[in-house]
């Protein structure tokens, strides 16, 4: 019988075991080994909170290694992610789909918003991508509404240049090239 094992449970169990062993090492007088085992337990615990593969996908997208990013992202089951990371998964999926299919990318971005993003800046980035898709589909009214929401959510001003670029694209519509 093949039982699916959630890797988060395994990581949390390993982290708890490492911390328990570190306590035992401290009690036994092996302080140096106890410190080392505590660090190992903390690292394992942090990997349980954040998916290493998601970080790797974001890094590969930055490096423009999209084929490797797609391959890594296809190996992630969004149901096995923490609820806060599921929105990030769909955001990365949408970014990878922008090249091939705007409708699929739009679905992924809308799913990211439905699932929920952790920070307002992440929501603003999703809104901005949706505005770009809407402007390429000649839906300027929807694109302007999405840009207004992105401006409202971008409190730190991290996306000002991107917002200006999308606003210029709406004013001067250009043909969007799709790779097939």
N, C-alpha and C. Protein backbone atom coordinates (compact mmCIF):
# COMPACT_ATOMS: atom_id res chain seq x y z
N UNK A 1 0.83 -1.17 0.00
CA UNK A 1 0.00 0.00 0.00
C UNK A 1 0.88 1.24 0.00
N UNK A 2 0.62 2.14 -0.94
CA UNK A 2 1.43 3.34 -1.09
C UNK A 2 0.73 4.52 -0.42
N UNK A 3 1.27 4.98 0.69
CA UNK A 3 0.68 6.09 1.42
C UNK A 3 1.40 7.38 1.06
N UNK A 4 0.66 8.41 0.65
CA UNK A 4 1.32 9.68 0.37
C UNK A 4 1.74 10.34 1.69
N UNK A 5 2.98 10.77 1.75
CA UNK A 5 3.52 11.40 2.95
C UNK A 5 3.73 12.87 2.66
N UNK A 6 3.17 13.70 3.47
CA UNK A 6 3.36 15.13 3.34
C UNK A 6 4.75 15.46 3.87
N UNK A 7 5.58 16.05 3.05
CA UNK A 7 6.96 16.33 3.44
C UNK A 7 7.05 17.33 4.57
N UNK A 8 6.02 18.17 4.74
CA UNK A 8 6.05 19.14 5.85
C UNK A 8 6.04 18.41 7.19
N UNK A 9 5.24 17.35 7.31
CA UNK A 9 5.17 16.59 8.56
C UNK A 9 6.51 15.93 8.85
N UNK A 10 7.14 15.39 7.81
CA UNK A 10 8.43 14.76 7.98
C UNK A 10 9.48 15.77 8.43
N UNK A 11 9.48 16.95 7.81
CA UNK A 11 10.46 17.98 8.18
C UNK A 11 10.25 18.47 9.60
N UNK A 12 9.01 18.67 10.00
CA UNK A 12 8.72 19.12 11.37
C UNK A 12 9.14 18.06 12.38
N UNK A 13 8.90 16.78 12.05
CA UNK A 13 9.30 15.69 12.93
C UNK A 13 10.82 15.64 13.07
N UNK A 14 11.54 15.80 11.95
CA UNK A 14 12.99 15.80 12.00
C UNK A 14 13.52 16.98 12.80
N UNK A 15 12.91 18.14 12.63
CA UNK A 15 13.34 19.34 13.37
C UNK A 15 13.12 19.13 14.87
N UNK A 16 11.96 18.59 15.24
CA UNK A 16 11.68 18.34 16.66
C UNK A 16 12.66 17.31 17.23
N UNK A 17 12.97 16.29 16.46
CA UNK A 17 13.95 15.30 16.90
C UNK A 17 15.33 15.90 17.08
N UNK A 18 15.72 16.78 16.16
CA UNK A 18 17.04 17.42 16.27
C UNK A 18 17.11 18.32 17.50
N UNK A 19 16.04 19.06 17.78
CA UNK A 19 16.01 19.93 18.96
C UNK A 19 16.03 19.09 20.24
N UNK A 20 15.28 17.98 20.24
CA UNK A 20 15.27 17.11 21.42
C UNK A 20 16.66 16.51 21.66
N UNK A 21 17.32 16.11 20.59
CA UNK A 21 18.68 15.57 20.72
C UNK A 21 19.64 16.66 21.18
N UNK A 22 19.44 17.90 20.73
CA UNK A 22 20.29 19.01 21.18
C UNK A 22 20.13 19.23 22.68
N UNK A 23 18.91 19.14 23.18
CA UNK A 23 18.67 19.28 24.62
C UNK A 23 19.39 18.18 25.37
N UNK A 24 19.31 16.96 24.86
CA UNK A 24 19.99 15.83 25.50
C UNK A 24 21.50 16.05 25.50
N UNK A 25 22.05 16.62 24.40
CA UNK A 25 23.48 16.91 24.34
C UNK A 25 23.87 17.98 25.35
N UNK A 26 23.05 19.00 25.50
CA UNK A 26 23.32 20.04 26.49
C UNK A 26 23.33 19.47 27.91
N UNK A 27 22.35 18.62 28.21
CA UNK A 27 22.25 18.02 29.54
C UNK A 27 23.46 17.13 29.81
N UNK A 28 23.95 16.45 28.79
CA UNK A 28 25.09 15.55 28.95
C UNK A 28 26.41 16.29 29.05
N UNK A 29 26.40 17.59 28.76
CA UNK A 29 27.63 18.36 28.88
C UNK A 29 28.34 18.60 27.56
N UNK A 30 27.77 18.17 26.46
CA UNK A 30 28.37 18.39 25.15
C UNK A 30 27.79 19.67 24.55
N UNK A 31 28.26 20.80 25.05
CA UNK A 31 27.69 22.09 24.67
C UNK A 31 27.92 22.41 23.19
N UNK A 32 29.11 22.18 22.70
CA UNK A 32 29.42 22.48 21.29
C UNK A 32 28.56 21.68 20.34
N UNK A 33 28.42 20.40 20.62
CA UNK A 33 27.57 19.56 19.77
C UNK A 33 26.11 19.96 19.90
N UNK A 34 25.71 20.37 21.11
CA UNK A 34 24.33 20.83 21.32
C UNK A 34 24.03 22.07 20.51
N UNK A 35 24.98 23.00 20.44
CA UNK A 35 24.79 24.21 19.63
C UNK A 35 24.67 23.84 18.15
N UNK A 36 25.55 22.95 17.70
CA UNK A 36 25.50 22.51 16.30
C UNK A 36 24.19 21.83 15.96
N UNK A 37 23.71 20.97 16.84
CA UNK A 37 22.45 20.27 16.60
C UNK A 37 21.28 21.23 16.66
N UNK A 38 21.35 22.25 17.50
CA UNK A 38 20.30 23.28 17.55
C UNK A 38 20.23 24.02 16.22
N UNK A 39 21.38 24.37 15.67
CA UNK A 39 21.39 25.04 14.36
C UNK A 39 20.81 24.16 13.27
N UNK A 40 21.14 22.89 13.30
CA UNK A 40 20.58 21.95 12.31
C UNK A 40 19.07 21.86 12.45
N UNK A 41 18.59 21.80 13.69
CA UNK A 41 17.15 21.75 13.93
C UNK A 41 16.45 23.00 13.44
N UNK A 42 17.08 24.16 13.63
CA UNK A 42 16.49 25.42 13.17
C UNK A 42 16.44 25.45 11.65
N UNK A 43 17.49 25.01 10.99
CA UNK A 43 17.51 25.00 9.52
C UNK A 43 16.44 24.06 8.98
N UNK A 44 16.31 22.90 9.57
CA UNK A 44 15.27 21.96 9.12
C UNK A 44 13.89 22.55 9.36
N UNK A 45 13.71 23.21 10.50
CA UNK A 45 12.43 23.85 10.80
C UNK A 45 12.09 24.95 9.81
N UNK A 46 13.09 25.73 9.42
CA UNK A 46 12.84 26.80 8.44
C UNK A 46 12.49 26.24 7.07
N UNK A 47 13.09 25.13 6.69
CA UNK A 47 12.74 24.53 5.40
C UNK A 47 11.33 23.96 5.43
N UNK A 48 10.84 23.63 6.62
CA UNK A 48 9.46 23.16 6.72
C UNK A 48 8.49 24.31 6.51
N UNK A 49 8.90 25.51 6.87
CA UNK A 49 8.03 26.67 6.71
C UNK A 49 8.03 27.22 5.28
N UNK A 50 9.10 27.04 4.58
CA UNK A 50 9.23 27.60 3.24
C UNK A 50 9.68 26.50 2.29
N UNK A 51 9.09 26.44 1.13
CA UNK A 51 9.47 25.42 0.16
C UNK A 51 10.75 25.84 -0.56
N UNK A 52 11.76 25.01 -0.46
CA UNK A 52 13.04 25.30 -1.10
C UNK A 52 12.86 25.33 -2.62
N UNK A 53 12.00 24.46 -3.14
CA UNK A 53 11.80 24.43 -4.59
C UNK A 53 11.14 25.71 -5.09
N UNK A 54 10.27 26.32 -4.28
CA UNK A 54 9.65 27.59 -4.69
C UNK A 54 10.72 28.69 -4.78
N UNK A 55 11.62 28.70 -3.83
CA UNK A 55 12.71 29.68 -3.86
C UNK A 55 13.57 29.44 -5.08
N UNK A 56 13.84 28.18 -5.40
CA UNK A 56 14.64 27.83 -6.56
C UNK A 56 13.96 28.27 -7.86
N UNK A 57 12.64 28.11 -7.95
CA UNK A 57 11.90 28.53 -9.14
C UNK A 57 12.00 30.05 -9.32
N UNK A 58 11.82 30.80 -8.25
CA UNK A 58 11.92 32.26 -8.34
C UNK A 58 13.33 32.68 -8.77
N UNK A 59 14.34 32.00 -8.25
CA UNK A 59 15.72 32.30 -8.62
C UNK A 59 15.97 32.00 -10.10
N UNK A 60 15.44 30.88 -10.58
CA UNK A 60 15.63 30.52 -11.99
C UNK A 60 14.87 31.45 -12.93
N UNK A 61 13.73 31.96 -12.50
CA UNK A 61 13.01 32.94 -13.31
C UNK A 61 13.83 34.21 -13.42
N UNK A 62 14.46 34.62 -12.32
CA UNK A 62 15.31 35.81 -12.35
C UNK A 62 16.48 35.61 -13.29
N UNK A 63 17.02 34.41 -13.34
CA UNK A 63 18.14 34.11 -14.22
C UNK A 63 17.72 33.83 -15.66
N UNK A 64 16.41 33.89 -15.94
CA UNK A 64 15.85 33.61 -17.26
C UNK A 64 16.06 32.17 -17.71
N UNK A 65 16.16 31.26 -16.78
CA UNK A 65 16.22 29.83 -17.08
C UNK A 65 14.81 29.27 -16.92
N UNK A 66 13.95 29.63 -17.86
CA UNK A 66 12.53 29.34 -17.73
C UNK A 66 12.20 27.87 -17.88
N UNK A 67 12.93 27.15 -18.72
CA UNK A 67 12.66 25.72 -18.88
C UNK A 67 12.93 24.96 -17.57
N UNK A 68 14.05 25.28 -16.93
CA UNK A 68 14.36 24.64 -15.65
C UNK A 68 13.37 25.06 -14.58
N UNK A 69 12.92 26.32 -14.63
CA UNK A 69 11.93 26.79 -13.65
C UNK A 69 10.61 26.05 -13.83
N UNK A 70 10.18 25.85 -15.09
CA UNK A 70 8.95 25.11 -15.36
C UNK A 70 9.06 23.67 -14.85
N UNK A 71 10.20 23.07 -15.09
CA UNK A 71 10.41 21.68 -14.68
C UNK A 71 10.36 21.56 -13.15
N UNK A 72 10.99 22.50 -12.46
CA UNK A 72 10.98 22.46 -10.99
C UNK A 72 9.58 22.74 -10.45
N UNK A 73 8.88 23.71 -11.05
CA UNK A 73 7.55 24.06 -10.57
C UNK A 73 6.55 22.93 -10.82
N UNK A 74 6.75 22.17 -11.89
CA UNK A 74 5.83 21.06 -12.16
C UNK A 74 5.96 19.95 -11.12
N UNK A 75 7.07 19.91 -10.40
CA UNK A 75 7.26 18.90 -9.36
C UNK A 75 6.67 19.29 -8.02
N UNK A 76 6.08 20.48 -7.94
CA UNK A 76 5.51 20.96 -6.67
C UNK A 76 4.00 20.74 -6.69
N UNK A 77 3.49 20.12 -5.65
CA UNK A 77 2.05 19.94 -5.49
C UNK A 77 1.55 21.09 -4.63
N UNK A 78 0.71 22.00 -5.18
CA UNK A 78 0.27 23.15 -4.38
C UNK A 78 -0.54 22.77 -3.14
N UNK A 79 -1.10 21.58 -3.13
CA UNK A 79 -1.86 21.14 -1.95
C UNK A 79 -0.94 20.84 -0.77
N UNK A 80 0.34 20.57 -1.04
CA UNK A 80 1.29 20.26 0.02
C UNK A 80 2.03 21.50 0.50
N UNK A 81 1.63 22.68 0.02
CA UNK A 81 2.24 23.92 0.47
C UNK A 81 1.41 24.51 1.60
N UNK A 82 2.03 25.32 2.41
CA UNK A 82 1.30 26.04 3.44
C UNK A 82 0.35 27.01 2.74
N UNK A 83 -0.77 27.33 3.34
CA UNK A 83 -1.75 28.21 2.69
C UNK A 83 -1.16 29.56 2.25
N UNK A 84 -0.22 30.10 2.98
CA UNK A 84 0.39 31.36 2.60
C UNK A 84 1.29 31.26 1.38
N UNK A 85 1.78 30.07 1.09
CA UNK A 85 2.67 29.88 -0.06
C UNK A 85 1.94 29.47 -1.32
N UNK A 86 0.67 29.11 -1.22
CA UNK A 86 -0.07 28.68 -2.40
C UNK A 86 -0.27 29.82 -3.39
N UNK A 87 -0.51 31.00 -2.88
CA UNK A 87 -0.64 32.17 -3.76
C UNK A 87 0.66 32.44 -4.52
N UNK A 88 1.77 32.25 -3.82
CA UNK A 88 3.08 32.43 -4.45
C UNK A 88 3.28 31.41 -5.57
N UNK A 89 2.83 30.19 -5.34
CA UNK A 89 2.92 29.15 -6.37
C UNK A 89 2.18 29.58 -7.64
N UNK A 90 0.93 30.06 -7.48
CA UNK A 90 0.14 30.44 -8.65
C UNK A 90 0.71 31.69 -9.31
N UNK A 91 1.32 32.57 -8.54
CA UNK A 91 1.97 33.75 -9.11
C UNK A 91 3.15 33.33 -10.00
N UNK A 92 3.97 32.42 -9.50
CA UNK A 92 5.10 31.92 -10.30
C UNK A 92 4.60 31.17 -11.54
N UNK A 93 3.53 30.40 -11.37
CA UNK A 93 2.95 29.67 -12.50
C UNK A 93 2.47 30.66 -13.57
N UNK A 94 1.82 31.74 -13.15
CA UNK A 94 1.36 32.77 -14.09
C UNK A 94 2.50 33.43 -14.81
N UNK A 95 3.59 33.71 -14.10
CA UNK A 95 4.76 34.32 -14.74
C UNK A 95 5.35 33.41 -15.82
N UNK A 96 5.36 32.12 -15.55
CA UNK A 96 5.90 31.19 -16.54
C UNK A 96 4.96 31.00 -17.72
N UNK A 97 3.66 31.19 -17.51
CA UNK A 97 2.69 31.01 -18.59
C UNK A 97 2.52 32.26 -19.45
N UNK A 98 3.09 33.38 -19.04
CA UNK A 98 2.93 34.62 -19.80
C UNK A 98 3.45 34.49 -21.23
N UNK A 99 4.49 33.72 -21.42
CA UNK A 99 5.06 33.54 -22.76
C UNK A 99 4.15 32.75 -23.68
N UNK A 100 3.56 31.70 -23.14
CA UNK A 100 2.85 30.77 -24.01
C UNK A 100 1.36 31.07 -24.16
N UNK A 101 0.68 31.39 -23.08
CA UNK A 101 -0.77 31.55 -23.15
C UNK A 101 -1.23 32.63 -22.16
N UNK A 102 -1.73 33.71 -22.70
CA UNK A 102 -2.19 34.80 -21.83
C UNK A 102 -3.43 34.41 -21.04
N UNK A 103 -4.31 33.61 -21.64
CA UNK A 103 -5.52 33.22 -20.91
C UNK A 103 -5.19 32.30 -19.74
N UNK A 104 -4.25 31.37 -19.94
CA UNK A 104 -3.82 30.49 -18.84
C UNK A 104 -3.09 31.29 -17.77
N UNK A 105 -2.29 32.25 -18.18
CA UNK A 105 -1.58 33.10 -17.21
C UNK A 105 -2.58 33.91 -16.40
N UNK A 106 -3.61 34.42 -17.08
CA UNK A 106 -4.63 35.19 -16.39
C UNK A 106 -5.35 34.33 -15.35
N UNK A 107 -5.65 33.08 -15.71
CA UNK A 107 -6.30 32.17 -14.76
C UNK A 107 -5.40 31.93 -13.54
N UNK A 108 -4.10 31.75 -13.80
CA UNK A 108 -3.17 31.50 -12.69
C UNK A 108 -3.07 32.72 -11.77
N UNK A 109 -3.03 33.93 -12.35
CA UNK A 109 -2.96 35.13 -11.54
C UNK A 109 -4.24 35.33 -10.73
N UNK A 110 -5.38 35.05 -11.34
CA UNK A 110 -6.65 35.19 -10.61
C UNK A 110 -6.74 34.14 -9.48
N UNK A 111 -6.20 32.95 -9.72
CA UNK A 111 -6.16 31.94 -8.68
C UNK A 111 -5.26 32.39 -7.53
N UNK A 112 -4.14 33.05 -7.88
CA UNK A 112 -3.24 33.57 -6.84
C UNK A 112 -3.96 34.58 -5.96
N UNK A 113 -4.77 35.43 -6.58
CA UNK A 113 -5.53 36.40 -5.79
C UNK A 113 -6.60 35.73 -4.95
N UNK A 114 -7.25 34.70 -5.51
CA UNK A 114 -8.29 33.99 -4.77
C UNK A 114 -7.72 33.24 -3.57
N UNK A 115 -6.57 32.59 -3.78
CA UNK A 115 -5.93 31.82 -2.72
C UNK A 115 -5.39 32.76 -1.64
N UNK A 116 -4.85 33.90 -2.09
CA UNK A 116 -4.35 34.90 -1.16
C UNK A 116 -2.84 35.04 -1.21
N UNK A 117 -2.41 36.26 -1.16
CA UNK A 117 -0.99 36.58 -1.12
C UNK A 117 -0.67 37.14 0.26
N UNK A 118 0.57 36.99 0.70
CA UNK A 118 0.94 37.40 2.05
C UNK A 118 0.98 38.92 2.21
N UNK A 119 1.63 39.59 1.28
CA UNK A 119 1.86 41.04 1.43
C UNK A 119 1.11 41.81 0.36
N UNK A 120 0.89 43.09 0.65
CA UNK A 120 0.19 43.96 -0.30
C UNK A 120 1.02 44.17 -1.56
N UNK A 121 2.35 44.19 -1.44
CA UNK A 121 3.20 44.38 -2.62
C UNK A 121 3.07 43.21 -3.58
N UNK A 122 2.91 42.00 -3.04
CA UNK A 122 2.72 40.83 -3.89
C UNK A 122 1.37 40.91 -4.61
N UNK A 123 0.34 41.36 -3.90
CA UNK A 123 -0.96 41.54 -4.53
C UNK A 123 -0.87 42.59 -5.63
N UNK A 124 -0.11 43.65 -5.38
CA UNK A 124 0.05 44.71 -6.38
C UNK A 124 0.75 44.17 -7.63
N UNK A 125 1.75 43.31 -7.44
CA UNK A 125 2.44 42.72 -8.59
C UNK A 125 1.50 41.84 -9.41
N UNK A 126 0.63 41.10 -8.73
CA UNK A 126 -0.35 40.27 -9.44
C UNK A 126 -1.32 41.16 -10.22
N UNK A 127 -1.79 42.23 -9.57
CA UNK A 127 -2.71 43.17 -10.23
C UNK A 127 -2.05 43.80 -11.45
N UNK A 128 -0.77 44.13 -11.32
CA UNK A 128 -0.05 44.74 -12.43
C UNK A 128 0.09 43.78 -13.61
N UNK A 129 0.37 42.52 -13.32
CA UNK A 129 0.44 41.53 -14.39
C UNK A 129 -0.92 41.33 -15.05
N UNK A 130 -1.97 41.32 -14.25
CA UNK A 130 -3.32 41.22 -14.82
C UNK A 130 -3.64 42.44 -15.67
N UNK A 131 -3.20 43.62 -15.24
CA UNK A 131 -3.43 44.84 -16.03
C UNK A 131 -2.70 44.76 -17.37
N UNK A 132 -1.50 44.21 -17.37
CA UNK A 132 -0.75 44.05 -18.62
C UNK A 132 -1.47 43.09 -19.56
N UNK A 133 -2.01 42.02 -19.02
CA UNK A 133 -2.75 41.06 -19.84
C UNK A 133 -4.01 41.72 -20.41
N UNK A 134 -4.73 42.45 -19.56
CA UNK A 134 -5.95 43.11 -20.03
C UNK A 134 -5.65 44.16 -21.08
N UNK A 135 -4.55 44.89 -20.93
CA UNK A 135 -4.22 45.89 -21.95
C UNK A 135 -3.84 45.24 -23.27
N UNK A 136 -3.21 44.07 -23.21
CA UNK A 136 -2.87 43.38 -24.45
C UNK A 136 -4.12 42.82 -25.13
N UNK A 137 -5.18 42.59 -24.35
CA UNK A 137 -6.44 42.13 -24.92
C UNK A 137 -7.36 43.29 -25.28
N UNK A 138 -6.84 44.52 -25.20
CA UNK A 138 -7.58 45.74 -25.56
C UNK A 138 -8.75 46.01 -24.60
N UNK A 139 -8.61 45.62 -23.36
CA UNK A 139 -9.62 45.90 -22.34
C UNK A 139 -9.07 47.00 -21.43
N UNK A 140 -9.05 48.23 -21.94
CA UNK A 140 -8.40 49.32 -21.23
C UNK A 140 -9.10 49.69 -19.94
N UNK A 141 -10.41 49.59 -19.90
CA UNK A 141 -11.14 49.96 -18.69
C UNK A 141 -10.76 49.05 -17.52
N UNK A 142 -10.72 47.75 -17.78
CA UNK A 142 -10.33 46.80 -16.74
C UNK A 142 -8.87 46.98 -16.35
N UNK A 143 -8.03 47.25 -17.34
CA UNK A 143 -6.60 47.45 -17.07
C UNK A 143 -6.38 48.67 -16.19
N UNK A 144 -7.09 49.75 -16.46
CA UNK A 144 -6.95 50.95 -15.64
C UNK A 144 -7.43 50.72 -14.22
N UNK A 145 -8.50 49.95 -14.07
CA UNK A 145 -9.00 49.64 -12.72
C UNK A 145 -7.98 48.80 -11.95
N UNK A 146 -7.36 47.85 -12.63
CA UNK A 146 -6.34 47.02 -11.98
C UNK A 146 -5.11 47.83 -11.61
N UNK A 147 -4.74 48.78 -12.47
CA UNK A 147 -3.59 49.64 -12.16
C UNK A 147 -3.90 50.52 -10.95
N UNK A 148 -5.12 51.01 -10.87
CA UNK A 148 -5.51 51.82 -9.71
C UNK A 148 -5.41 51.00 -8.42
N UNK A 149 -5.83 49.75 -8.48
CA UNK A 149 -5.72 48.88 -7.30
C UNK A 149 -4.25 48.60 -6.97
N UNK A 150 -3.43 48.40 -8.02
CA UNK A 150 -2.00 48.14 -7.79
C UNK A 150 -1.33 49.36 -7.16
N UNK A 151 -1.70 50.55 -7.61
CA UNK A 151 -1.14 51.77 -7.01
C UNK A 151 -1.52 51.87 -5.54
N UNK A 152 -2.76 51.54 -5.24
CA UNK A 152 -3.24 51.61 -3.85
C UNK A 152 -2.50 50.61 -2.97
N UNK A 153 -2.22 49.43 -3.50
CA UNK A 153 -1.54 48.40 -2.72
C UNK A 153 -0.04 48.61 -2.62
N UNK A 154 0.56 49.32 -3.57
CA UNK A 154 2.01 49.54 -3.58
C UNK A 154 2.34 50.74 -2.69
N UNK A 155 2.33 50.52 -1.38
CA UNK A 155 2.55 51.59 -0.42
C UNK A 155 4.00 52.02 -0.33
N UNK A 156 4.92 51.12 -0.60
CA UNK A 156 6.34 51.43 -0.51
C UNK A 156 6.91 51.97 -1.82
N UNK A 157 6.13 51.96 -2.88
CA UNK A 157 6.59 52.49 -4.16
C UNK A 157 7.57 51.60 -4.89
N UNK A 158 7.52 50.30 -4.63
CA UNK A 158 8.45 49.37 -5.26
C UNK A 158 8.13 49.13 -6.74
N UNK A 159 6.88 49.37 -7.14
CA UNK A 159 6.45 49.05 -8.50
C UNK A 159 6.15 50.29 -9.33
N UNK A 160 6.64 51.46 -8.91
CA UNK A 160 6.30 52.69 -9.61
C UNK A 160 6.73 52.66 -11.08
N UNK A 161 7.94 52.20 -11.34
CA UNK A 161 8.43 52.16 -12.73
C UNK A 161 7.60 51.18 -13.56
N UNK A 162 7.27 50.04 -13.00
CA UNK A 162 6.46 49.06 -13.72
C UNK A 162 5.05 49.59 -13.99
N UNK A 163 4.49 50.31 -13.02
CA UNK A 163 3.16 50.88 -13.20
C UNK A 163 3.18 51.91 -14.32
N UNK A 164 4.24 52.74 -14.35
CA UNK A 164 4.35 53.73 -15.44
C UNK A 164 4.47 53.04 -16.79
N UNK A 165 5.21 51.95 -16.85
CA UNK A 165 5.38 51.22 -18.11
C UNK A 165 4.04 50.67 -18.61
N UNK A 166 3.26 50.09 -17.72
CA UNK A 166 1.96 49.54 -18.12
C UNK A 166 1.01 50.67 -18.51
N UNK A 167 1.06 51.80 -17.80
CA UNK A 167 0.21 52.94 -18.17
C UNK A 167 0.57 53.45 -19.56
N UNK A 168 1.85 53.49 -19.88
CA UNK A 168 2.27 53.90 -21.23
C UNK A 168 1.80 52.90 -22.28
N UNK A 169 1.83 51.61 -21.92
CA UNK A 169 1.38 50.59 -22.86
C UNK A 169 -0.12 50.72 -23.12
N UNK A 170 -0.87 51.17 -22.13
CA UNK A 170 -2.31 51.36 -22.32
C UNK A 170 -2.56 52.56 -23.22
N UNK A 171 -1.78 53.62 -23.02
CA UNK A 171 -1.96 54.83 -23.83
C UNK A 171 -1.51 54.61 -25.28
N UNK A 172 -0.43 53.84 -25.46
CA UNK A 172 0.10 53.54 -26.79
C UNK A 172 0.05 52.03 -27.00
N UNK A 173 -1.11 51.49 -27.36
CA UNK A 173 -1.23 50.02 -27.46
C UNK A 173 -0.32 49.47 -28.57
N UNK A 174 0.35 48.41 -28.23
CA UNK A 174 1.22 47.73 -29.18
C UNK A 174 0.79 46.28 -29.29
N UNK A 175 1.16 45.67 -30.39
CA UNK A 175 0.80 44.29 -30.60
C UNK A 175 1.66 43.40 -29.70
N UNK A 176 1.02 42.51 -28.95
CA UNK A 176 1.73 41.59 -28.08
C UNK A 176 2.05 40.35 -28.89
N UNK A 177 3.33 40.00 -28.88
CA UNK A 177 3.76 38.81 -29.62
C UNK A 177 3.67 37.60 -28.71
N UNK A 178 3.05 36.57 -29.18
CA UNK A 178 2.93 35.33 -28.41
C UNK A 178 3.78 34.26 -29.07
N UNK A 179 4.46 33.52 -28.25
CA UNK A 179 5.21 32.38 -28.76
C UNK A 179 4.31 31.17 -28.77
N UNK A 180 4.30 30.46 -29.85
CA UNK A 180 3.45 29.27 -29.96
C UNK A 180 4.28 28.05 -30.06
